[in-house]
Amino acid sequence: MALFVRMTWKAIDWTVTFFVVTSERILLNTGVLIEKVAMLPLTKVIDMSFHRSYTGRLLGFGDFIFESAGQNVALQMVDHIPYPEEAYLQICGLIFSDYDGESEDKPDSGRD
């Protein structure tokens, strides 16, 4: 019975957890009874990686690990992310697209 209650609680917790990536920041909203929001600006992210266990490969989830410029970060690891390869590539595209100093929006050359 205790195992069933724990599994039910974890399932409810997973359904109310939101991982959001915008063009400015990464947010993790968690909690069933007490809501917690962790935020990391994209400009502070130095490196990002993801980890998939054997179970994660079978069930289609992975964990993200963020390294930031600050020592005390609110958002360091996000676990059980579905479709981690696709999400990883999209997030890395947001974080590191402007890393070489060039903007993605190229100025118009004036030719029609």
PDB file of N, CA and C in Angstrom:
ATOM      1  N   MET A   1       0.820  -1.201   0.000  1.00  0.00           N
ATOM      2  CA  MET A   1       0.000   0.000   0.000  1.00  0.00           C
ATOM      3  C   MET A   1       0.863   1.264   0.000  1.00  0.00           C
ATOM      4  N   ALA A   2       1.928   1.248   0.808  1.00  0.00           N
ATOM      5  CA  ALA A   2       2.821   2.407   0.886  1.00  0.00           C
ATOM      6  C   ALA A   2       3.508   2.651  -0.455  1.00  0.00           C
ATOM      7  N   LEU A   3       3.871   1.588  -1.143  1.00  0.00           N
ATOM      8  CA  LEU A   3       4.505   1.720  -2.452  1.00  0.00           C
ATOM      9  C   LEU A   3       3.539   2.328  -3.469  1.00  0.00           C
ATOM     10  N   PHE A   4       2.282   1.926  -3.419  1.00  0.00           N
ATOM     11  CA  PHE A   4       1.278   2.485  -4.316  1.00  0.00           C
ATOM     12  C   PHE A   4       1.061   3.974  -4.041  1.00  0.00           C
ATOM     13  N   VAL A   5       0.999   4.362  -2.776  1.00  0.00           N
ATOM     14  CA  VAL A   5       0.820   5.769  -2.408  1.00  0.00           C
ATOM     15  C   VAL A   5       2.017   6.588  -2.877  1.00  0.00           C
ATOM     16  N   ARG A   6       3.232   6.061  -2.690  1.00  0.00           N
ATOM     17  CA  ARG A   6       4.442   6.770  -3.132  1.00  0.00           C
ATOM     18  C   ARG A   6       4.447   6.929  -4.654  1.00  0.00           C
ATOM     19  N   MET A   7       4.088   5.874  -5.386  1.00  0.00           N
ATOM     20  CA  MET A   7       4.056   5.937  -6.837  1.00  0.00           C
ATOM     21  C   MET A   7       3.004   6.946  -7.308  1.00  0.00           C
ATOM     22  N   THR A   8       1.859   6.970  -6.663  1.00  0.00           N
ATOM     23  CA  THR A   8       0.809   7.922  -7.011  1.00  0.00           C
ATOM     24  C   THR A   8       1.267   9.353  -6.748  1.00  0.00           C
ATOM     25  N   TRP A   9       1.915   9.574  -5.603  1.00  0.00           N
ATOM     26  CA  TRP A   9       2.422  10.908  -5.272  1.00  0.00           C
ATOM     27  C   TRP A   9       3.462  11.361  -6.288  1.00  0.00           C
ATOM     28  N   LYS A  10       4.380  10.484  -6.669  1.00  0.00           N
ATOM     29  CA  LYS A  10       5.405  10.829  -7.670  1.00  0.00           C
ATOM     30  C   LYS A  10       4.760  11.138  -9.019  1.00  0.00           C
ATOM     31  N   ALA A  11       3.734  10.397  -9.399  1.00  0.00           N
ATOM     32  CA  ALA A  11       3.047  10.646 -10.671  1.00  0.00           C
ATOM     33  C   ALA A  11       2.349  12.005 -10.652  1.00  0.00           C
ATOM     34  N   ILE A  12       1.715  12.337  -9.549  1.00  0.00           N
ATOM     35  CA  ILE A  12       1.068  13.644  -9.429  1.00  0.00           C
ATOM     36  C   ILE A  12       2.114  14.748  -9.464  1.00  0.00           C
ATOM     37  N   ASP A  13       3.210  14.564  -8.759  1.00  0.00           N
ATOM     38  CA  ASP A  13       4.296  15.555  -8.742  1.00  0.00           C
ATOM     39  C   ASP A  13       4.863  15.752 -10.145  1.00  0.00           C
ATOM     40  N   TRP A  14       5.010  14.680 -10.892  1.00  0.00           N
ATOM     41  CA  TRP A  14       5.545  14.778 -12.248  1.00  0.00           C
ATOM     42  C   TRP A  14       4.585  15.527 -13.167  1.00  0.00           C
ATOM     43  N   THR A  15       3.276  15.337 -12.983  1.00  0.00           N
ATOM     44  CA  THR A  15       2.313  15.996 -13.862  1.00  0.00           C
ATOM     45  C   THR A  15       2.191  17.488 -13.603  1.00  0.00           C
ATOM     46  N   VAL A  16       2.525  17.958 -12.409  1.00  0.00           N
ATOM     47  CA  VAL A  16       2.435  19.392 -12.119  1.00  0.00           C
ATOM     48  C   VAL A  16       3.786  20.094 -12.252  1.00  0.00           C
ATOM     49  N   THR A  17       4.811  19.387 -12.683  1.00  0.00           N
ATOM     50  CA  THR A  17       6.128  19.974 -12.883  1.00  0.00           C
ATOM     51  C   THR A  17       6.242  20.472 -14.315  1.00  0.00           C
ATOM     52  N   PHE A  18       6.678  21.723 -14.466  1.00  0.00           N
ATOM     53  CA  PHE A  18       6.825  22.327 -15.779  1.00  0.00           C
ATOM     54  C   PHE A  18       8.251  22.798 -15.978  1.00  0.00           C
ATOM     55  N   PHE A  19       8.833  22.454 -17.113  1.00  0.00           N
ATOM     56  CA  PHE A  19      10.161  22.898 -17.507  1.00  0.00           C
ATOM     57  C   PHE A  19       9.965  23.782 -18.732  1.00  0.00           C
ATOM     58  N   VAL A  20      10.316  25.071 -18.601  1.00  0.00           N
ATOM     59  CA  VAL A  20      10.053  26.052 -19.644  1.00  0.00           C
ATOM     60  C   VAL A  20      11.356  26.716 -20.039  1.00  0.00           C
ATOM     61  N   VAL A  21      11.585  26.810 -21.351  1.00  0.00           N
ATOM     62  CA  VAL A  21      12.755  27.511 -21.869  1.00  0.00           C
ATOM     63  C   VAL A  21      12.262  28.619 -22.780  1.00  0.00           C
ATOM     64  N   THR A  22      12.630  29.855 -22.456  1.00  0.00           N
ATOM     65  CA  THR A  22      12.282  30.995 -23.288  1.00  0.00           C
ATOM     66  C   THR A  22      13.559  31.530 -23.931  1.00  0.00           C
ATOM     67  N   SER A  23      13.441  32.589 -24.682  1.00  0.00           N
ATOM     68  CA  SER A  23      14.617  33.188 -25.304  1.00  0.00           C
ATOM     69  C   SER A  23      15.490  33.910 -24.290  1.00  0.00           C
ATOM     70  N   GLU A  24      15.000  34.095 -23.067  1.00  0.00           N
ATOM     71  CA  GLU A  24      15.739  34.819 -22.034  1.00  0.00           C
ATOM     72  C   GLU A  24      16.191  33.947 -20.865  1.00  0.00           C
ATOM     73  N   ARG A  25      15.406  32.917 -20.504  1.00  0.00           N
ATOM     74  CA  ARG A  25      15.704  32.165 -19.283  1.00  0.00           C
ATOM     75  C   ARG A  25      15.162  30.743 -19.327  1.00  0.00           C
ATOM     76  N   ILE A  26      15.621  29.964 -18.353  1.00  0.00           N
ATOM     77  CA  ILE A  26      15.159  28.594 -18.156  1.00  0.00           C
ATOM     78  C   ILE A  26      14.428  28.567 -16.821  1.00  0.00           C
ATOM     79  N   LEU A  27      13.216  28.020 -16.798  1.00  0.00           N
ATOM     80  CA  LEU A  27      12.408  27.960 -15.586  1.00  0.00           C
ATOM     81  C   LEU A  27      12.023  26.522 -15.283  1.00  0.00           C
ATOM     82  N   LEU A  28      12.010  26.199 -13.985  1.00  0.00           N
ATOM     83  CA  LEU A  28      11.521  24.901 -13.527  1.00  0.00           C
ATOM     84  C   LEU A  28      10.516  25.170 -12.419  1.00  0.00           C
ATOM     85  N   ASN A  29       9.263  24.814 -12.673  1.00  0.00           N
ATOM     86  CA  ASN A  29       8.178  25.013 -11.716  1.00  0.00           C
ATOM     87  C   ASN A  29       7.805  23.644 -11.160  1.00  0.00           C
ATOM     88  N   THR A  30       7.956  23.450  -9.843  1.00  0.00           N
ATOM     89  CA  THR A  30       7.704  22.153  -9.216  1.00  0.00           C
ATOM     90  C   THR A  30       6.841  22.316  -7.975  1.00  0.00           C
ATOM     91  N   GLY A  31       6.322  21.205  -7.486  1.00  0.00           N
ATOM     92  CA  GLY A  31       5.626  21.181  -6.213  1.00  0.00           C
ATOM     93  C   GLY A  31       4.143  20.926  -6.338  1.00  0.00           C
ATOM     94  N   VAL A  32       3.644  20.087  -5.454  1.00  0.00           N
ATOM     95  CA  VAL A  32       2.223  19.785  -5.414  1.00  0.00           C
ATOM     96  C   VAL A  32       1.550  20.680  -4.381  1.00  0.00           C
ATOM     97  N   LEU A  33       1.984  20.607  -3.146  1.00  0.00           N
ATOM     98  CA  LEU A  33       1.408  21.425  -2.087  1.00  0.00           C
ATOM     99  C   LEU A  33       2.092  22.780  -1.971  1.00  0.00           C
ATOM    100  N   ILE A  34       3.398  22.789  -2.087  1.00  0.00           N
ATOM    101  CA  ILE A  34       4.185  24.018  -2.031  1.00  0.00           C
ATOM    102  C   ILE A  34       4.868  24.189  -3.369  1.00  0.00           C
ATOM    103  N   GLU A  35       4.568  25.276  -4.047  1.00  0.00           N
ATOM    104  CA  GLU A  35       5.119  25.519  -5.373  1.00  0.00           C
ATOM    105  C   GLU A  35       6.490  26.183  -5.261  1.00  0.00           C
ATOM    106  N   LYS A  36       7.441  25.679  -6.050  1.00  0.00           N
ATOM    107  CA  LYS A  36       8.780  26.264  -6.123  1.00  0.00           C
ATOM    108  C   LYS A  36       9.096  26.568  -7.580  1.00  0.00           C
ATOM    109  N   VAL A  37       9.703  27.727  -7.808  1.00  0.00           N
ATOM    110  CA  VAL A  37      10.107  28.110  -9.149  1.00  0.00           C
ATOM    111  C   VAL A  37      11.597  28.418  -9.111  1.00  0.00           C
ATOM    112  N   ALA A  38      12.367  27.718  -9.944  1.00  0.00           N
ATOM    113  CA  ALA A  38      13.798  27.976 -10.085  1.00  0.00           C
ATOM    114  C   ALA A  38      14.028  28.575 -11.468  1.00  0.00           C
ATOM    115  N   MET A  39      14.910  29.573 -11.542  1.00  0.00           N
ATOM    116  CA  MET A  39      15.139  30.280 -12.787  1.00  0.00           C
ATOM    117  C   MET A  39      16.632  30.455 -13.005  1.00  0.00           C
ATOM    118  N   LEU A  40      17.038  30.321 -14.274  1.00  0.00           N
ATOM    119  CA  LEU A  40      18.425  30.525 -14.665  1.00  0.00           C
ATOM    120  C   LEU A  40      18.439  31.314 -15.965  1.00  0.00           C
ATOM    121  N   PRO A  41      19.056  32.519 -15.962  1.00  0.00           N
ATOM    122  CA  PRO A  41      19.134  33.270 -17.216  1.00  0.00           C
ATOM    123  C   PRO A  41      20.005  32.542 -18.238  1.00  0.00           C
ATOM    124  N   LEU A  42      19.607  32.580 -19.500  1.00  0.00           N
ATOM    125  CA  LEU A  42      20.389  31.906 -20.545  1.00  0.00           C
ATOM    126  C   LEU A  42      21.794  32.471 -20.657  1.00  0.00           C
ATOM    127  N   THR A  43      21.961  33.751 -20.338  1.00  0.00           N
ATOM    128  CA  THR A  43      23.288  34.365 -20.443  1.00  0.00           C
ATOM    129  C   THR A  43      24.257  33.834 -19.403  1.00  0.00           C
ATOM    130  N   LYS A  44      23.756  33.222 -18.330  1.00  0.00           N
ATOM    131  CA  LYS A  44      24.611  32.670 -17.272  1.00  0.00           C
ATOM    132  C   LYS A  44      25.035  31.221 -17.526  1.00  0.00           C
ATOM    133  N   VAL A  45      24.404  30.563 -18.497  1.00  0.00           N
ATOM    134  CA  VAL A  45      24.715  29.155 -18.767  1.00  0.00           C
ATOM    135  C   VAL A  45      26.036  29.058 -19.519  1.00  0.00           C
ATOM    136  N   ILE A  46      26.987  28.338 -18.938  1.00  0.00           N
ATOM    137  CA  ILE A  46      28.284  28.116 -19.569  1.00  0.00           C
ATOM    138  C   ILE A  46      28.287  26.808 -20.344  1.00  0.00           C
ATOM    139  N   ASP A  47      27.685  25.766 -19.754  1.00  0.00           N
ATOM    140  CA  ASP A  47      27.678  24.455 -20.394  1.00  0.00           C
ATOM    141  C   ASP A  47      26.396  23.727 -20.021  1.00  0.00           C
ATOM    142  N   MET A  48      25.972  22.843 -20.902  1.00  0.00           N
ATOM    143  CA  MET A  48      24.777  22.048 -20.675  1.00  0.00           C
ATOM    144  C   MET A  48      25.032  20.642 -21.194  1.00  0.00           C
ATOM    145  N   SER A  49      24.600  19.657 -20.439  1.00  0.00           N
ATOM    146  CA  SER A  49      24.719  18.277 -20.889  1.00  0.00           C
ATOM    147  C   SER A  49      23.477  17.512 -20.441  1.00  0.00           C
ATOM    148  N   PHE A  50      23.295  16.326 -21.013  1.00  0.00           N
ATOM    149  CA  PHE A  50      22.193  15.498 -20.539  1.00  0.00           C
ATOM    150  C   PHE A  50      22.670  14.075 -20.338  1.00  0.00           C
ATOM    151  N   HIS A  51      21.980  13.389 -19.459  1.00  0.00           N
ATOM    152  CA  HIS A  51      22.331  12.033 -19.060  1.00  0.00           C
ATOM    153  C   HIS A  51      21.091  11.158 -19.224  1.00  0.00           C
ATOM    154  N   ARG A  52      21.293   9.968 -19.802  1.00  0.00           N
ATOM    155  CA  ARG A  52      20.195   9.007 -19.938  1.00  0.00           C
ATOM    156  C   ARG A  52      20.634   7.669 -19.379  1.00  0.00           C
ATOM    157  N   SER A  53      19.918   7.186 -18.412  1.00  0.00           N
ATOM    158  CA  SER A  53      20.178   5.854 -17.879  1.00  0.00           C
ATOM    159  C   SER A  53      19.558   4.822 -18.819  1.00  0.00           C
ATOM    160  N   TYR A  54      19.805   3.570 -18.534  1.00  0.00           N
ATOM    161  CA  TYR A  54      19.210   2.505 -19.343  1.00  0.00           C
ATOM    162  C   TYR A  54      17.684   2.569 -19.257  1.00  0.00           C
ATOM    163  N   THR A  55      17.161   2.788 -18.052  1.00  0.00           N
ATOM    164  CA  THR A  55      15.721   2.928 -17.869  1.00  0.00           C
ATOM    165  C   THR A  55      15.200   4.144 -18.631  1.00  0.00           C
ATOM    166  N   GLY A  56      15.965   5.228 -18.614  1.00  0.00           N
ATOM    167  CA  GLY A  56      15.582   6.428 -19.354  1.00  0.00           C
ATOM    168  C   GLY A  56      15.525   6.193 -20.847  1.00  0.00           C
ATOM    169  N   ARG A  57      16.458   5.381 -21.357  1.00  0.00           N
ATOM    170  CA  ARG A  57      16.428   5.035 -22.786  1.00  0.00           C
ATOM    171  C   ARG A  57      15.190   4.218 -23.131  1.00  0.00           C
ATOM    172  N   LEU A  58      14.841   3.281 -22.258  1.00  0.00           N
ATOM    173  CA  LEU A  58      13.665   2.445 -22.511  1.00  0.00           C
ATOM    174  C   LEU A  58      12.365   3.240 -22.434  1.00  0.00           C
ATOM    175  N   LEU A  59      12.290   4.154 -21.459  1.00  0.00           N
ATOM    176  CA  LEU A  59      11.045   4.885 -21.234  1.00  0.00           C
ATOM    177  C   LEU A  59      11.022   6.265 -21.888  1.00  0.00           C
ATOM    178  N   GLY A  60      12.131   6.693 -22.486  1.00  0.00           N
ATOM    179  CA  GLY A  60      12.154   7.939 -23.242  1.00  0.00           C
ATOM    180  C   GLY A  60      12.330   9.203 -22.435  1.00  0.00           C
ATOM    181  N   PHE A  61      13.155   9.177 -21.377  1.00  0.00           N
ATOM    182  CA  PHE A  61      13.412  10.391 -20.620  1.00  0.00           C
ATOM    183  C   PHE A  61      14.897  10.517 -20.315  1.00  0.00           C
ATOM    184  N   GLY A  62      15.301  11.710 -19.909  1.00  0.00           N
ATOM    185  CA  GLY A  62      16.690  11.972 -19.561  1.00  0.00           C
ATOM    186  C   GLY A  62      16.785  13.118 -18.575  1.00  0.00           C
ATOM    187  N   ASP A  63      17.999  13.384 -18.112  1.00  0.00           N
ATOM    188  CA  ASP A  63      18.259  14.444 -17.141  1.00  0.00           C
ATOM    189  C   ASP A  63      19.170  15.492 -17.764  1.00  0.00           C
ATOM    190  N   PHE A  64      18.877  16.772 -17.524  1.00  0.00           N
ATOM    191  CA  PHE A  64      19.717  17.872 -17.987  1.00  0.00           C
ATOM    192  C   PHE A  64      20.561  18.381 -16.834  1.00  0.00           C
ATOM    193  N   ILE A  65      21.819  18.686 -17.120  1.00  0.00           N
ATOM    194  CA  ILE A  65      22.730  19.262 -16.140  1.00  0.00           C
ATOM    195  C   ILE A  65      23.230  20.587 -16.695  1.00  0.00           C
ATOM    196  N   PHE A  66      23.015  21.668 -15.925  1.00  0.00           N
ATOM    197  CA  PHE A  66      23.433  23.006 -16.337  1.00  0.00           C
ATOM    198  C   PHE A  66      24.609  23.458 -15.492  1.00  0.00           C
ATOM    199  N   GLU A  67      25.604  24.053 -16.145  1.00  0.00           N
ATOM    200  CA  GLU A  67      26.708  24.700 -15.441  1.00  0.00           C
ATOM    201  C   GLU A  67      26.607  26.181 -15.740  1.00  0.00           C
ATOM    202  N   SER A  68      26.688  26.995 -14.690  1.00  0.00           N
ATOM    203  CA  SER A  68      26.511  28.427 -14.890  1.00  0.00           C
ATOM    204  C   SER A  68      27.718  29.194 -14.390  1.00  0.00           C
ATOM    205  N   ALA A  69      27.735  30.470 -14.735  1.00  0.00           N
ATOM    206  CA  ALA A  69      28.843  31.342 -14.348  1.00  0.00           C
ATOM    207  C   ALA A  69      28.850  31.604 -12.848  1.00  0.00           C
ATOM    208  N   GLY A  70      27.710  31.579 -12.206  1.00  0.00           N
ATOM    209  CA  GLY A  70      27.626  31.816 -10.767  1.00  0.00           C
ATOM    210  C   GLY A  70      27.886  30.541  -9.984  1.00  0.00           C
ATOM    211  N   GLN A  71      28.360  30.687  -8.764  1.00  0.00           N
ATOM    212  CA  GLN A  71      28.634  29.531  -7.916  1.00  0.00           C
ATOM    213  C   GLN A  71      27.356  28.960  -7.310  1.00  0.00           C
ATOM    214  N   ASN A  72      26.428  29.836  -6.911  1.00  0.00           N
ATOM    215  CA  ASN A  72      25.216  29.407  -6.245  1.00  0.00           C
ATOM    216  C   ASN A  72      24.050  29.505  -7.226  1.00  0.00           C
ATOM    217  N   VAL A  73      23.699  28.387  -7.844  1.00  0.00           N
ATOM    218  CA  VAL A  73      22.645  28.392  -8.853  1.00  0.00           C
ATOM    219  C   VAL A  73      21.390  27.717  -8.315  1.00  0.00           C
ATOM    220  N   ALA A  74      20.246  28.290  -8.666  1.00  0.00           N
ATOM    221  CA  ALA A  74      18.972  27.727  -8.239  1.00  0.00           C
ATOM    222  C   ALA A  74      18.580  26.538  -9.098  1.00  0.00           C
ATOM    223  N   LEU A  75      19.066  26.506 -10.322  1.00  0.00           N
ATOM    224  CA  LEU A  75      18.681  25.464 -11.264  1.00  0.00           C
ATOM    225  C   LEU A  75      19.941  24.799 -11.792  1.00  0.00           C
ATOM    226  N   GLN A  76      20.259  23.623 -11.280  1.00  0.00           N
ATOM    227  CA  GLN A  76      21.465  22.930 -11.693  1.00  0.00           C
ATOM    228  C   GLN A  76      21.170  21.639 -12.434  1.00  0.00           C
ATOM    229  N   MET A  77      20.108  20.930 -12.021  1.00  0.00           N
ATOM    230  CA  MET A  77      19.757  19.669 -12.673  1.00  0.00           C
ATOM    231  C   MET A  77      18.237  19.576 -12.807  1.00  0.00           C
ATOM    232  N   VAL A  78      17.802  19.134 -13.979  1.00  0.00           N
ATOM    233  CA  VAL A  78      16.385  18.908 -14.239  1.00  0.00           C
ATOM    234  C   VAL A  78      16.256  17.455 -14.671  1.00  0.00           C
ATOM    235  N   ASP A  79      15.468  16.688 -13.927  1.00  0.00           N
ATOM    236  CA  ASP A  79      15.387  15.257 -14.228  1.00  0.00           C
ATOM    237  C   ASP A  79      14.067  14.868 -14.877  1.00  0.00           C
ATOM    238  N   HIS A  80      14.085  13.729 -15.524  1.00  0.00           N
ATOM    239  CA  HIS A  80      12.932  13.110 -16.175  1.00  0.00           C
ATOM    240  C   HIS A  80      12.297  13.995 -17.250  1.00  0.00           C
ATOM    241  N   ILE A  81      13.126  14.504 -18.153  1.00  0.00           N
ATOM    242  CA  ILE A  81      12.661  15.303 -19.279  1.00  0.00           C
ATOM    243  C   ILE A  81      12.336  14.363 -20.443  1.00  0.00           C
ATOM    244  N   PRO A  82      11.106  14.420 -20.984  1.00  0.00           N
ATOM    245  CA  PRO A  82      10.789  13.573 -22.139  1.00  0.00           C
ATOM    246  C   PRO A  82      11.482  14.082 -23.396  1.00  0.00           C
ATOM    247  N   TYR A  83      11.813  13.183 -24.298  1.00  0.00           N
ATOM    248  CA  TYR A  83      12.488  13.486 -25.561  1.00  0.00           C
ATOM    249  C   TYR A  83      13.735  14.354 -25.342  1.00  0.00           C
ATOM    250  N   PRO A  84      14.700  13.876 -24.587  1.00  0.00           N
ATOM    251  CA  PRO A  84      15.831  14.734 -24.212  1.00  0.00           C
ATOM    252  C   PRO A  84      16.735  15.136 -25.372  1.00  0.00           C
ATOM    253  N   GLU A  85      16.885  14.295 -26.402  1.00  0.00           N
ATOM    254  CA  GLU A  85      17.767  14.671 -27.510  1.00  0.00           C
ATOM    255  C   GLU A  85      17.251  15.902 -28.238  1.00  0.00           C
ATOM    256  N   GLU A  86      15.954  15.881 -28.567  1.00  0.00           N
ATOM    257  CA  GLU A  86      15.371  17.007 -29.276  1.00  0.00           C
ATOM    258  C   GLU A  86      15.400  18.277 -28.423  1.00  0.00           C
ATOM    259  N   ALA A  87      15.022  18.139 -27.158  1.00  0.00           N
ATOM    260  CA  ALA A  87      15.027  19.292 -26.261  1.00  0.00           C
ATOM    261  C   ALA A  87      16.442  19.823 -26.070  1.00  0.00           C
ATOM    262  N   TYR A  88      17.417  18.922 -25.947  1.00  0.00           N
ATOM    263  CA  TYR A  88      18.813  19.332 -25.777  1.00  0.00           C
ATOM    264  C   TYR A  88      19.298  20.155 -26.971  1.00  0.00           C
ATOM    265  N   LEU A  89      19.008  19.690 -28.170  1.00  0.00           N
ATOM    266  CA  LEU A  89      19.436  20.424 -29.367  1.00  0.00           C
ATOM    267  C   LEU A  89      18.755  21.780 -29.473  1.00  0.00           C
ATOM    268  N   GLN A  90      17.485  21.843 -29.145  1.00  0.00           N
ATOM    269  CA  GLN A  90      16.774  23.116 -29.209  1.00  0.00           C
ATOM    270  C   GLN A  90      17.289  24.106 -28.164  1.00  0.00           C
ATOM    271  N   ILE A  91      17.520  23.626 -26.950  1.00  0.00           N
ATOM    272  CA  ILE A  91      18.003  24.508 -25.893  1.00  0.00           C
ATOM    273  C   ILE A  91      19.425  24.961 -26.184  1.00  0.00           C
ATOM    274  N   CYS A  92      20.275  24.063 -26.648  1.00  0.00           N
ATOM    275  CA  CYS A  92      21.639  24.462 -27.011  1.00  0.00           C
ATOM    276  C   CYS A  92      21.628  25.479 -28.142  1.00  0.00           C
ATOM    277  N   GLY A  93      20.685  25.340 -29.065  1.00  0.00           N
ATOM    278  CA  GLY A  93      20.551  26.320 -30.131  1.00  0.00           C
ATOM    279  C   GLY A  93      20.214  27.699 -29.587  1.00  0.00           C
ATOM    280  N   LEU A  94      19.366  27.752 -28.565  1.00  0.00           N
ATOM    281  CA  LEU A  94      19.035  29.034 -27.944  1.00  0.00           C
ATOM    282  C   LEU A  94      20.213  29.606 -27.156  1.00  0.00           C
ATOM    283  N   ILE A  95      20.872  28.740 -26.398  1.00  0.00           N
ATOM    284  CA  ILE A  95      21.948  29.206 -25.518  1.00  0.00           C
ATOM    285  C   ILE A  95      23.175  29.626 -26.307  1.00  0.00           C
ATOM    286  N   PHE A  96      23.589  28.801 -27.260  1.00  0.00           N
ATOM    287  CA  PHE A  96      24.877  29.000 -27.912  1.00  0.00           C
ATOM    288  C   PHE A  96      24.773  29.532 -29.338  1.00  0.00           C
ATOM    289  N   SER A  97      23.584  29.933 -29.789  1.00  0.00           N
ATOM    290  CA  SER A  97      23.442  30.434 -31.157  1.00  0.00           C
ATOM    291  C   SER A  97      24.176  31.740 -31.365  1.00  0.00           C
ATOM    292  N   ASP A  98      24.236  32.573 -30.360  1.00  0.00           N
ATOM    293  CA  ASP A  98      24.883  33.876 -30.477  1.00  0.00           C
ATOM    294  C   ASP A  98      26.243  33.869 -29.785  1.00  0.00           C
ATOM    295  N   TYR A  99      26.791  32.671 -29.533  1.00  0.00           N
ATOM    296  CA  TYR A  99      28.033  32.535 -28.771  1.00  0.00           C
ATOM    297  C   TYR A  99      29.230  33.138 -29.478  1.00  0.00           C
ATOM    298  N   ASP A 100      29.281  33.098 -30.827  1.00  0.00           N
ATOM    299  CA  ASP A 100      30.438  33.620 -31.545  1.00  0.00           C
ATOM    300  C   ASP A 100      30.335  35.117 -31.803  1.00  0.00           C
ATOM    301  N   GLY A 101      29.291  35.757 -31.274  1.00  0.00           N
ATOM    302  CA  GLY A 101      29.153  37.193 -31.400  1.00  0.00           C
ATOM    303  C   GLY A 101      28.335  37.630 -32.597  1.00  0.00           C
ATOM    304  N   GLU A 102      27.940  36.695 -33.448  1.00  0.00           N
ATOM    305  CA  GLU A 102      27.136  37.027 -34.615  1.00  0.00           C
ATOM    306  C   GLU A 102      25.671  36.795 -34.294  1.00  0.00           C
ATOM    307  N   SER A 103      24.852  37.691 -34.756  1.00  0.00           N
ATOM    308  CA  SER A 103      23.421  37.558 -34.548  1.00  0.00           C
ATOM    309  C   SER A 103      22.832  36.649 -35.614  1.00  0.00           C
ATOM    310  N   GLU A 104      21.752  35.957 -35.260  1.00  0.00           N
ATOM    311  CA  GLU A 104      21.080  35.106 -36.242  1.00  0.00           C
ATOM    312  C   GLU A 104      20.365  35.947 -37.291  1.00  0.00           C
ATOM    313  N   ASP A 105      19.932  37.141 -36.919  1.00  0.00           N
ATOM    314  CA  ASP A 105      19.243  38.029 -37.847  1.00  0.00           C
ATOM    315  C   ASP A 105      20.278  38.816 -38.632  1.00  0.00           C
ATOM    316  N   LYS A 106      20.531  38.404 -39.837  1.00  0.00           N
ATOM    317  CA  LYS A 106      21.502  39.090 -40.694  1.00  0.00           C
ATOM    318  C   LYS A 106      20.855  40.327 -41.285  1.00  0.00           C
ATOM    319  N   PRO A 107      21.589  41.439 -41.400  1.00  0.00           N
ATOM    320  CA  PRO A 107      21.010  42.627 -42.015  1.00  0.00           C
ATOM    321  C   PRO A 107      20.732  42.395 -43.488  1.00  0.00           C
ATOM    322  N   ASP A 108      19.695  43.036 -43.987  1.00  0.00           N
ATOM    323  CA  ASP A 108      19.295  42.905 -45.374  1.00  0.00           C
ATOM    324  C   ASP A 108      20.346  43.555 -46.269  1.00  0.00           C
ATOM    325  N   SER A 109      20.710  42.875 -47.337  1.00  0.00           N
ATOM    326  CA  SER A 109      21.767  43.388 -48.228  1.00  0.00           C
ATOM    327  C   SER A 109      21.250  44.490 -49.146  1.00  0.00           C
ATOM    328  N   GLY A 110      19.956  44.703 -49.183  1.00  0.00           N
ATOM    329  CA  GLY A 110      19.393  45.754 -50.020  1.00  0.00           C
ATOM    330  C   GLY A 110      19.023  45.277 -51.407  1.00  0.00           C
ATOM    331  N   ARG A 111      19.264  44.030 -51.712  1.00  0.00           N
ATOM    332  CA  ARG A 111      18.917  43.465 -53.018  1.00  0.00           C
ATOM    333  C   ARG A 111      17.528  42.886 -52.969  1.00  0.00           C
ATOM    334  N   ASP A 112      16.768  43.072 -54.026  1.00  0.00           N
ATOM    335  CA  ASP A 112      15.423  42.476 -54.124  1.00  0.00           C
ATOM    336  C   ASP A 112      15.367  41.414 -55.163  1.00  0.00           C
TER     337      ASP A 112
END
